[in-house]
Structures are given as structure tokens and as C-alpha cells.
Amino acid sequence: GVLPQDDNIYRYDADGKPSSDVPEDSPVKAALRDILQKLGL
């Protein structure tokens, strides 16, 4: 799968925050959920 560009990930990383704390409506989180679902995880 492909993860879309998401400036939130950059901001969280630059601020030292875990990327898992990115808001649920983040495009990356939605894409990651889709990939994990397709993998059966």
C-alpha cells in the first residue's frame, strides 16, 4: 500500500510527539488502517 503525504506526521515528529497520536481523521491513519485490514491484521 501507499501512505499519502501528511504534514501532521512531519509536525508530530519535529515536536517529538509519537506519530500514533496523530488525529484519527489523518489521511495516513486511514490509509494505514486500510493496509492492515487488507493484510488481515
N, C-alpha and C. Protein backbone atom coordinates (compact mmCIF):
# COMPACT_ATOMS: atom_id res chain seq x y z
N GLY A 1 0.82 -1.17 0.00
CA GLY A 1 0.00 0.00 0.00
C GLY A 1 0.87 1.25 0.00
N VAL A 2 0.22 2.35 -0.22
CA VAL A 2 0.88 3.64 -0.27
C VAL A 2 0.30 4.54 0.82
N LEU A 3 1.18 5.20 1.56
CA LEU A 3 0.74 6.17 2.56
C LEU A 3 0.82 7.56 1.94
N PRO A 4 -0.28 8.33 2.03
CA PRO A 4 -0.29 9.66 1.44
C PRO A 4 0.57 10.64 2.24
N GLN A 5 0.96 11.72 1.60
CA GLN A 5 1.70 12.80 2.27
C GLN A 5 0.79 13.39 3.34
N ASP A 6 1.31 13.57 4.53
CA ASP A 6 0.53 14.14 5.63
C ASP A 6 1.45 15.02 6.46
N ASP A 7 1.23 16.32 6.41
CA ASP A 7 2.09 17.26 7.14
C ASP A 7 2.02 17.06 8.64
N ASN A 8 0.92 16.46 9.14
CA ASN A 8 0.82 16.19 10.57
C ASN A 8 1.94 15.27 11.04
N ILE A 9 2.29 14.30 10.23
CA ILE A 9 3.35 13.36 10.60
C ILE A 9 4.67 14.12 10.78
N TYR A 10 4.97 15.02 9.87
CA TYR A 10 6.19 15.83 9.98
C TYR A 10 6.15 16.68 11.25
N ARG A 11 5.01 17.34 11.49
CA ARG A 11 4.91 18.21 12.66
C ARG A 11 5.06 17.43 13.96
N TYR A 12 4.40 16.29 14.04
CA TYR A 12 4.50 15.47 15.25
C TYR A 12 5.94 15.02 15.46
N ASP A 13 6.60 14.61 14.41
CA ASP A 13 7.99 14.17 14.52
C ASP A 13 8.89 15.32 14.96
N ALA A 14 8.71 16.48 14.35
CA ALA A 14 9.53 17.65 14.69
C ALA A 14 9.32 18.09 16.13
N ASP A 15 8.10 17.89 16.64
CA ASP A 15 7.79 18.27 18.02
C ASP A 15 8.11 17.16 19.02
N GLY A 16 8.59 16.02 18.53
CA GLY A 16 8.93 14.92 19.41
C GLY A 16 7.73 14.14 19.91
N LYS A 17 6.59 14.30 19.24
CA LYS A 17 5.37 13.58 19.62
C LYS A 17 5.30 12.27 18.85
N PRO A 18 4.72 11.23 19.46
CA PRO A 18 4.59 9.96 18.73
C PRO A 18 3.59 10.09 17.57
N SER A 19 3.93 9.50 16.44
CA SER A 19 3.03 9.57 15.28
C SER A 19 1.72 8.85 15.55
N SER A 20 1.69 7.96 16.53
CA SER A 20 0.44 7.28 16.87
C SER A 20 -0.58 8.24 17.47
N ASP A 21 -0.14 9.43 17.90
CA ASP A 21 -1.06 10.43 18.45
C ASP A 21 -1.66 11.34 17.39
N VAL A 22 -1.32 11.13 16.13
CA VAL A 22 -1.91 11.92 15.05
C VAL A 22 -3.42 11.70 15.08
N PRO A 23 -4.22 12.74 14.81
CA PRO A 23 -5.68 12.61 14.87
C PRO A 23 -6.21 11.45 14.02
N GLU A 24 -7.30 10.88 14.48
CA GLU A 24 -7.90 9.72 13.81
C GLU A 24 -8.31 10.02 12.37
N ASP A 25 -8.62 11.29 12.06
CA ASP A 25 -9.05 11.63 10.70
C ASP A 25 -7.87 11.92 9.77
N SER A 26 -6.67 11.64 10.23
CA SER A 26 -5.47 11.84 9.42
C SER A 26 -5.50 10.90 8.21
N PRO A 27 -5.14 11.41 7.02
CA PRO A 27 -5.10 10.56 5.83
C PRO A 27 -4.16 9.36 5.99
N VAL A 28 -3.06 9.56 6.71
CA VAL A 28 -2.11 8.46 6.91
C VAL A 28 -2.72 7.37 7.78
N LYS A 29 -3.42 7.76 8.84
CA LYS A 29 -4.04 6.75 9.71
C LYS A 29 -5.10 5.95 8.96
N ALA A 30 -5.89 6.62 8.13
CA ALA A 30 -6.91 5.93 7.35
C ALA A 30 -6.27 4.95 6.38
N ALA A 31 -5.21 5.38 5.70
CA ALA A 31 -4.52 4.50 4.75
C ALA A 31 -3.87 3.33 5.46
N LEU A 32 -3.28 3.58 6.62
CA LEU A 32 -2.63 2.52 7.38
C LEU A 32 -3.65 1.50 7.86
N ARG A 33 -4.81 1.97 8.33
CA ARG A 33 -5.88 1.04 8.74
C ARG A 33 -6.30 0.16 7.57
N ASP A 34 -6.43 0.77 6.39
CA ASP A 34 -6.82 0.02 5.19
C ASP A 34 -5.78 -1.05 4.84
N ILE A 35 -4.52 -0.68 4.90
CA ILE A 35 -3.44 -1.64 4.59
C ILE A 35 -3.45 -2.79 5.59
N LEU A 36 -3.56 -2.47 6.88
CA LEU A 36 -3.57 -3.52 7.90
C LEU A 36 -4.77 -4.44 7.75
N GLN A 37 -5.92 -3.86 7.39
CA GLN A 37 -7.12 -4.67 7.18
C GLN A 37 -6.92 -5.63 6.00
N LYS A 38 -6.33 -5.14 4.92
CA LYS A 38 -6.08 -5.99 3.76
C LYS A 38 -5.10 -7.11 4.07
N LEU A 39 -4.19 -6.85 5.02
CA LEU A 39 -3.23 -7.87 5.44
C LEU A 39 -3.83 -8.83 6.47
N GLY A 40 -5.04 -8.51 6.92
CA GLY A 40 -5.69 -9.36 7.91
C GLY A 40 -5.14 -9.16 9.31
N LEU A 41 -4.58 -7.99 9.56
CA LEU A 41 -4.01 -7.70 10.88
C LEU A 41 -4.89 -6.76 11.67
